[in-house]
N, C-alpha and C. Protein backbone atom coordinates (compact mmCIF):
# COMPACT_ATOMS: atom_id res chain seq x y z
N MET A 1 8.55 -7.30 72.74
CA MET A 1 7.49 -8.01 73.44
C MET A 1 7.82 -9.50 73.51
N GLU A 2 7.38 -10.09 74.58
CA GLU A 2 7.62 -11.51 74.79
C GLU A 2 6.32 -12.30 74.61
N PHE A 3 6.47 -13.50 74.04
CA PHE A 3 5.35 -14.43 73.88
C PHE A 3 5.87 -15.83 74.20
N PRO A 4 5.93 -16.19 75.49
CA PRO A 4 6.48 -17.50 75.86
C PRO A 4 5.78 -18.65 75.14
N ASP A 5 6.58 -19.61 74.67
CA ASP A 5 6.06 -20.75 73.93
C ASP A 5 5.26 -21.72 74.78
N ASP A 6 5.45 -21.68 76.10
CA ASP A 6 4.73 -22.65 76.95
C ASP A 6 3.33 -22.17 77.32
N LEU A 7 2.91 -21.03 76.78
CA LEU A 7 1.59 -20.47 77.09
C LEU A 7 0.68 -20.59 75.88
N LYS A 8 -0.63 -20.48 76.15
CA LYS A 8 -1.64 -20.37 75.10
C LYS A 8 -2.25 -18.98 75.22
N TYR A 9 -2.84 -18.48 74.14
CA TYR A 9 -3.32 -17.10 74.09
C TYR A 9 -4.73 -17.02 73.52
N THR A 10 -5.43 -15.93 73.88
CA THR A 10 -6.78 -15.70 73.37
C THR A 10 -6.79 -14.47 72.47
N LYS A 11 -7.86 -14.31 71.70
CA LYS A 11 -8.00 -13.13 70.84
C LYS A 11 -8.25 -11.87 71.66
N GLU A 12 -8.60 -12.04 72.94
CA GLU A 12 -8.80 -10.88 73.83
C GLU A 12 -7.50 -10.51 74.55
N HIS A 13 -6.40 -11.17 74.17
CA HIS A 13 -5.05 -10.88 74.67
C HIS A 13 -4.81 -11.33 76.11
N GLU A 14 -5.43 -12.45 76.47
CA GLU A 14 -5.10 -13.10 77.74
C GLU A 14 -4.20 -14.30 77.44
N TRP A 15 -3.43 -14.69 78.44
CA TRP A 15 -2.61 -15.90 78.31
C TRP A 15 -3.06 -16.94 79.32
N VAL A 16 -2.71 -18.20 79.05
CA VAL A 16 -3.08 -19.32 79.90
C VAL A 16 -1.88 -20.26 80.03
N ARG A 17 -1.61 -20.67 81.26
CA ARG A 17 -0.60 -21.70 81.52
C ARG A 17 -1.32 -22.84 82.24
N VAL A 18 -1.31 -24.03 81.66
CA VAL A 18 -2.04 -25.16 82.22
C VAL A 18 -1.08 -26.14 82.89
N LYS A 19 -1.42 -26.50 84.13
CA LYS A 19 -0.71 -27.56 84.86
C LYS A 19 -1.78 -28.47 85.42
N GLY A 20 -1.83 -29.70 84.89
CA GLY A 20 -2.87 -30.64 85.33
C GLY A 20 -4.24 -30.11 84.96
N ASP A 21 -5.12 -29.98 85.97
CA ASP A 21 -6.48 -29.48 85.69
C ASP A 21 -6.65 -28.03 86.13
N THR A 22 -5.52 -27.33 86.30
CA THR A 22 -5.56 -25.93 86.73
C THR A 22 -4.94 -25.03 85.67
N ALA A 23 -5.61 -23.91 85.41
CA ALA A 23 -5.11 -22.93 84.44
C ALA A 23 -4.82 -21.62 85.17
N THR A 24 -3.61 -21.10 84.97
CA THR A 24 -3.26 -19.77 85.45
C THR A 24 -3.49 -18.81 84.29
N MET A 25 -4.14 -17.67 84.56
CA MET A 25 -4.46 -16.71 83.50
C MET A 25 -3.91 -15.33 83.83
N GLY A 26 -3.60 -14.60 82.77
CA GLY A 26 -3.14 -13.22 82.91
C GLY A 26 -3.31 -12.48 81.60
N VAL A 27 -2.88 -11.21 81.57
CA VAL A 27 -2.95 -10.44 80.33
C VAL A 27 -1.58 -10.50 79.66
N SER A 28 -1.59 -10.53 78.34
CA SER A 28 -0.35 -10.70 77.58
C SER A 28 0.52 -9.43 77.62
N ASP A 29 1.77 -9.62 77.22
CA ASP A 29 2.71 -8.52 77.13
C ASP A 29 2.17 -7.45 76.17
N TYR A 30 1.59 -7.89 75.07
CA TYR A 30 0.99 -6.96 74.11
C TYR A 30 -0.11 -6.14 74.77
N ALA A 31 -0.99 -6.81 75.53
CA ALA A 31 -2.11 -6.12 76.18
C ALA A 31 -1.62 -5.09 77.19
N GLN A 32 -0.67 -5.49 78.04
CA GLN A 32 -0.21 -4.53 79.05
C GLN A 32 0.49 -3.35 78.41
N GLU A 33 1.19 -3.59 77.28
CA GLU A 33 1.86 -2.49 76.59
C GLU A 33 0.83 -1.53 75.98
N GLN A 34 -0.24 -2.07 75.41
CA GLN A 34 -1.30 -1.25 74.83
C GLN A 34 -2.04 -0.44 75.90
N LEU A 35 -2.22 -1.05 77.08
CA LEU A 35 -2.92 -0.38 78.16
C LEU A 35 -2.12 0.78 78.75
N GLY A 36 -0.82 0.63 78.82
CA GLY A 36 0.01 1.62 79.50
C GLY A 36 0.06 1.31 80.99
N ASP A 37 0.37 2.31 81.80
CA ASP A 37 0.56 2.10 83.23
C ASP A 37 -0.75 1.69 83.90
N ILE A 38 -0.76 0.48 84.44
CA ILE A 38 -1.95 -0.07 85.08
C ILE A 38 -2.04 0.46 86.52
N VAL A 39 -3.22 1.01 86.86
CA VAL A 39 -3.39 1.66 88.16
C VAL A 39 -4.45 1.01 89.04
N TYR A 40 -5.28 0.12 88.46
CA TYR A 40 -6.36 -0.49 89.24
C TYR A 40 -6.71 -1.83 88.62
N LEU A 41 -7.08 -2.77 89.50
CA LEU A 41 -7.43 -4.11 89.05
C LEU A 41 -8.59 -4.63 89.89
N GLU A 42 -9.57 -5.23 89.21
CA GLU A 42 -10.71 -5.85 89.90
C GLU A 42 -10.76 -7.31 89.46
N LEU A 43 -10.69 -8.21 90.44
CA LEU A 43 -10.70 -9.65 90.15
C LEU A 43 -11.88 -10.32 90.84
N PRO A 44 -12.26 -11.52 90.37
CA PRO A 44 -13.36 -12.24 91.02
C PRO A 44 -12.91 -12.80 92.37
N GLU A 45 -13.85 -13.29 93.13
CA GLU A 45 -13.55 -13.94 94.41
C GLU A 45 -13.21 -15.40 94.17
N GLU A 46 -12.42 -15.97 95.08
CA GLU A 46 -12.18 -17.41 95.02
C GLU A 46 -13.52 -18.12 95.16
N GLY A 47 -13.70 -19.20 94.39
CA GLY A 47 -14.94 -19.95 94.42
C GLY A 47 -15.93 -19.54 93.34
N GLU A 48 -15.73 -18.35 92.75
CA GLU A 48 -16.62 -17.91 91.67
C GLU A 48 -16.36 -18.73 90.42
N GLU A 49 -17.41 -18.88 89.62
CA GLU A 49 -17.29 -19.55 88.33
C GLU A 49 -17.04 -18.48 87.26
N ILE A 50 -16.12 -18.76 86.34
CA ILE A 50 -15.94 -17.86 85.20
C ILE A 50 -16.25 -18.66 83.94
N GLU A 51 -16.68 -17.94 82.91
CA GLU A 51 -17.05 -18.56 81.64
C GLU A 51 -16.07 -18.14 80.56
N LYS A 52 -15.72 -19.08 79.70
CA LYS A 52 -14.87 -18.77 78.56
C LYS A 52 -15.50 -17.66 77.73
N GLY A 53 -14.71 -16.64 77.41
CA GLY A 53 -15.18 -15.55 76.56
C GLY A 53 -16.00 -14.50 77.27
N GLU A 54 -16.26 -14.69 78.57
CA GLU A 54 -17.05 -13.71 79.34
C GLU A 54 -16.14 -12.92 80.27
N PRO A 55 -16.44 -11.64 80.53
CA PRO A 55 -15.61 -10.84 81.43
C PRO A 55 -15.60 -11.40 82.86
N PHE A 56 -14.44 -11.43 83.48
CA PHE A 56 -14.34 -11.85 84.88
C PHE A 56 -13.69 -10.79 85.75
N GLY A 57 -13.15 -9.75 85.14
CA GLY A 57 -12.49 -8.71 85.91
C GLY A 57 -12.31 -7.47 85.06
N VAL A 58 -11.68 -6.46 85.69
CA VAL A 58 -11.44 -5.18 85.03
C VAL A 58 -10.02 -4.74 85.33
N VAL A 59 -9.37 -4.22 84.31
CA VAL A 59 -8.05 -3.62 84.49
C VAL A 59 -8.16 -2.17 84.01
N GLU A 60 -7.64 -1.26 84.84
CA GLU A 60 -7.72 0.16 84.52
C GLU A 60 -6.30 0.70 84.44
N SER A 61 -6.05 1.45 83.37
CA SER A 61 -4.74 2.07 83.21
C SER A 61 -4.94 3.58 83.06
N VAL A 62 -3.82 4.28 82.92
CA VAL A 62 -3.92 5.72 82.72
C VAL A 62 -4.58 6.04 81.38
N LYS A 63 -4.60 5.06 80.46
CA LYS A 63 -5.17 5.27 79.14
C LYS A 63 -6.61 4.79 78.99
N ALA A 64 -6.95 3.67 79.66
CA ALA A 64 -8.24 3.02 79.36
C ALA A 64 -8.68 2.10 80.50
N VAL A 65 -9.95 1.73 80.42
CA VAL A 65 -10.51 0.69 81.30
C VAL A 65 -10.90 -0.47 80.40
N SER A 66 -10.46 -1.68 80.73
CA SER A 66 -10.73 -2.84 79.89
C SER A 66 -11.22 -4.01 80.71
N ASP A 67 -12.16 -4.76 80.14
CA ASP A 67 -12.58 -6.01 80.75
C ASP A 67 -11.48 -7.05 80.54
N ILE A 68 -11.42 -8.01 81.46
CA ILE A 68 -10.54 -9.17 81.32
C ILE A 68 -11.46 -10.36 81.12
N TYR A 69 -11.18 -11.15 80.08
CA TYR A 69 -12.06 -12.24 79.68
C TYR A 69 -11.52 -13.59 80.07
N GLY A 70 -12.42 -14.50 80.39
CA GLY A 70 -12.04 -15.87 80.71
C GLY A 70 -11.52 -16.59 79.48
N ALA A 71 -10.34 -17.16 79.59
CA ALA A 71 -9.79 -17.95 78.49
C ALA A 71 -10.40 -19.34 78.49
N LEU A 72 -10.82 -19.80 79.66
CA LEU A 72 -11.43 -21.11 79.83
C LEU A 72 -12.54 -21.01 80.88
N THR A 73 -13.47 -21.93 80.85
CA THR A 73 -14.52 -22.01 81.86
C THR A 73 -14.00 -22.78 83.06
N GLY A 74 -14.33 -22.29 84.25
CA GLY A 74 -13.92 -23.02 85.45
C GLY A 74 -14.21 -22.26 86.72
N LYS A 75 -13.77 -22.85 87.83
CA LYS A 75 -13.97 -22.26 89.15
C LYS A 75 -12.66 -21.62 89.61
N VAL A 76 -12.74 -20.37 90.08
CA VAL A 76 -11.55 -19.67 90.57
C VAL A 76 -11.08 -20.33 91.86
N VAL A 77 -9.84 -20.83 91.84
CA VAL A 77 -9.29 -21.49 93.03
C VAL A 77 -8.26 -20.61 93.75
N GLU A 78 -7.77 -19.57 93.04
CA GLU A 78 -6.80 -18.66 93.66
C GLU A 78 -6.77 -17.36 92.87
N ILE A 79 -6.65 -16.26 93.60
CA ILE A 79 -6.42 -14.97 92.94
C ILE A 79 -5.07 -14.44 93.42
N ASN A 80 -4.46 -13.61 92.60
CA ASN A 80 -3.16 -13.03 92.94
C ASN A 80 -3.40 -11.78 93.79
N ASP A 81 -3.64 -12.00 95.09
CA ASP A 81 -3.98 -10.90 96.02
C ASP A 81 -3.03 -9.71 95.98
N PRO A 82 -1.71 -9.91 95.94
CA PRO A 82 -0.81 -8.75 95.96
C PRO A 82 -1.05 -7.76 94.82
N LEU A 83 -1.65 -8.23 93.73
CA LEU A 83 -1.89 -7.34 92.59
C LEU A 83 -2.89 -6.23 92.90
N THR A 84 -3.83 -6.47 93.80
CA THR A 84 -4.83 -5.44 94.07
C THR A 84 -4.19 -4.19 94.67
N ASP A 85 -3.12 -4.38 95.44
CA ASP A 85 -2.40 -3.23 95.99
C ASP A 85 -1.29 -2.74 95.06
N ASN A 86 -0.82 -3.62 94.17
CA ASN A 86 0.30 -3.28 93.28
C ASN A 86 -0.01 -3.71 91.84
N PRO A 87 -1.06 -3.12 91.23
CA PRO A 87 -1.44 -3.57 89.88
C PRO A 87 -0.36 -3.31 88.83
N GLU A 88 0.56 -2.39 89.12
CA GLU A 88 1.64 -2.10 88.18
C GLU A 88 2.56 -3.30 87.94
N THR A 89 2.47 -4.31 88.82
CA THR A 89 3.25 -5.54 88.63
C THR A 89 2.92 -6.17 87.28
N ILE A 90 1.71 -6.00 86.79
CA ILE A 90 1.32 -6.54 85.48
C ILE A 90 2.20 -5.92 84.39
N ASN A 91 2.49 -4.62 84.49
CA ASN A 91 3.36 -3.97 83.51
C ASN A 91 4.80 -4.48 83.62
N GLU A 92 5.22 -4.77 84.84
CA GLU A 92 6.61 -5.16 85.08
C GLU A 92 6.88 -6.61 84.75
N ASP A 93 5.92 -7.51 84.99
CA ASP A 93 6.15 -8.95 84.83
C ASP A 93 4.83 -9.67 84.62
N CYS A 94 4.23 -9.47 83.43
CA CYS A 94 2.87 -9.98 83.20
C CYS A 94 2.77 -11.50 83.18
N TYR A 95 3.88 -12.20 82.93
CA TYR A 95 3.80 -13.66 82.81
C TYR A 95 4.14 -14.42 84.08
N GLU A 96 4.78 -13.80 85.03
CA GLU A 96 5.15 -14.52 86.26
C GLU A 96 4.47 -13.88 87.47
N GLU A 97 5.04 -12.81 88.01
CA GLU A 97 4.48 -12.15 89.19
C GLU A 97 3.12 -11.51 88.91
N GLY A 98 2.85 -11.18 87.65
CA GLY A 98 1.63 -10.47 87.29
C GLY A 98 0.47 -11.34 86.86
N TRP A 99 0.50 -12.65 87.16
CA TRP A 99 -0.64 -13.51 86.84
C TRP A 99 -1.87 -13.02 87.62
N LEU A 100 -3.05 -13.31 87.12
CA LEU A 100 -4.28 -12.79 87.72
C LEU A 100 -5.02 -13.82 88.57
N ILE A 101 -5.40 -14.93 87.95
CA ILE A 101 -6.20 -15.94 88.65
C ILE A 101 -5.77 -17.34 88.26
N ARG A 102 -6.11 -18.30 89.14
CA ARG A 102 -5.97 -19.72 88.83
C ARG A 102 -7.36 -20.34 88.88
N VAL A 103 -7.63 -21.17 87.88
CA VAL A 103 -8.97 -21.73 87.70
C VAL A 103 -8.88 -23.24 87.55
N LYS A 104 -9.79 -23.95 88.22
CA LYS A 104 -9.94 -25.40 87.99
C LYS A 104 -10.73 -25.54 86.70
N ILE A 105 -10.11 -26.15 85.69
CA ILE A 105 -10.69 -26.22 84.35
C ILE A 105 -11.93 -27.13 84.34
N ALA A 106 -13.04 -26.58 83.83
CA ALA A 106 -14.29 -27.33 83.75
C ALA A 106 -14.38 -28.15 82.47
N ASN A 107 -13.83 -27.62 81.37
CA ASN A 107 -13.96 -28.28 80.07
C ASN A 107 -12.62 -28.22 79.33
N PRO A 108 -11.78 -29.25 79.47
CA PRO A 108 -10.46 -29.24 78.83
C PRO A 108 -10.50 -29.08 77.31
N LYS A 109 -11.62 -29.44 76.66
CA LYS A 109 -11.73 -29.29 75.20
C LYS A 109 -11.63 -27.83 74.77
N GLU A 110 -11.95 -26.89 75.67
CA GLU A 110 -11.85 -25.47 75.34
C GLU A 110 -10.42 -25.06 75.00
N MET A 111 -9.44 -25.84 75.47
CA MET A 111 -8.04 -25.54 75.17
C MET A 111 -7.78 -25.53 73.66
N GLU A 112 -8.56 -26.31 72.92
CA GLU A 112 -8.38 -26.41 71.48
C GLU A 112 -8.61 -25.08 70.76
N ASP A 113 -9.35 -24.17 71.39
CA ASP A 113 -9.66 -22.88 70.78
C ASP A 113 -8.57 -21.83 71.01
N LEU A 114 -7.59 -22.14 71.85
CA LEU A 114 -6.54 -21.18 72.17
C LEU A 114 -5.42 -21.22 71.14
N MET A 115 -4.71 -20.10 71.02
CA MET A 115 -3.60 -20.00 70.07
C MET A 115 -2.27 -20.28 70.75
N ASP A 116 -1.32 -20.85 69.98
CA ASP A 116 0.04 -20.96 70.51
C ASP A 116 0.75 -19.62 70.24
N ALA A 117 1.99 -19.50 70.67
CA ALA A 117 2.71 -18.23 70.58
C ALA A 117 2.83 -17.73 69.14
N ALA A 118 3.14 -18.62 68.21
CA ALA A 118 3.29 -18.22 66.80
C ALA A 118 1.95 -17.74 66.23
N GLN A 119 0.87 -18.45 66.53
CA GLN A 119 -0.45 -18.05 66.03
C GLN A 119 -0.85 -16.70 66.63
N TYR A 120 -0.54 -16.51 67.90
CA TYR A 120 -0.89 -15.25 68.58
C TYR A 120 -0.13 -14.07 67.97
N GLN A 121 1.16 -14.25 67.72
CA GLN A 121 1.94 -13.17 67.11
C GLN A 121 1.39 -12.83 65.72
N ALA A 122 1.01 -13.85 64.95
CA ALA A 122 0.42 -13.61 63.62
C ALA A 122 -0.91 -12.87 63.78
N TYR A 123 -1.70 -13.24 64.78
CA TYR A 123 -2.98 -12.58 65.03
C TYR A 123 -2.77 -11.09 65.33
N ILE A 124 -1.78 -10.77 66.18
CA ILE A 124 -1.51 -9.37 66.51
C ILE A 124 -1.10 -8.60 65.26
N LYS A 125 -0.24 -9.19 64.44
CA LYS A 125 0.19 -8.51 63.19
C LYS A 125 -1.01 -8.21 62.31
N GLU A 126 -1.90 -9.19 62.19
CA GLU A 126 -3.10 -9.05 61.37
C GLU A 126 -4.01 -7.96 61.95
N GLU A 127 -4.17 -7.96 63.27
CA GLU A 127 -5.06 -7.02 63.95
C GLU A 127 -4.55 -5.59 63.87
N THR A 128 -3.23 -5.41 63.85
CA THR A 128 -2.66 -4.06 63.87
C THR A 128 -2.27 -3.57 62.48
N ALA A 129 -2.48 -4.40 61.46
CA ALA A 129 -2.10 -4.01 60.08
C ALA A 129 -3.04 -2.98 59.52
């Protein structure tokens, strides 16, 4: 499994990449591996507000249906449209082609609650022990 150092992570297994005041979000390599083959994805509309810690979408795999949670509060400025027709891209490349949404960050202080790659890996070990 990969955990890129330039990303931040949540306890709900989402990742965040911040550039300026915009955050790109997706599900982590660990999450997609636990889900198995992803067959369906539901994302918010552009312009919708998402809240940190609240569900903003749904990912469905052959194993389970899971909510996707906001890593940060903000307004959706872009969704990864190709994923709705090809949700399996999340399994193939969750950190690049498989990103879910881009959000204009409402509260940059929320970044302080996110984990770096080392903290996230330790969290997974603790959670699966």
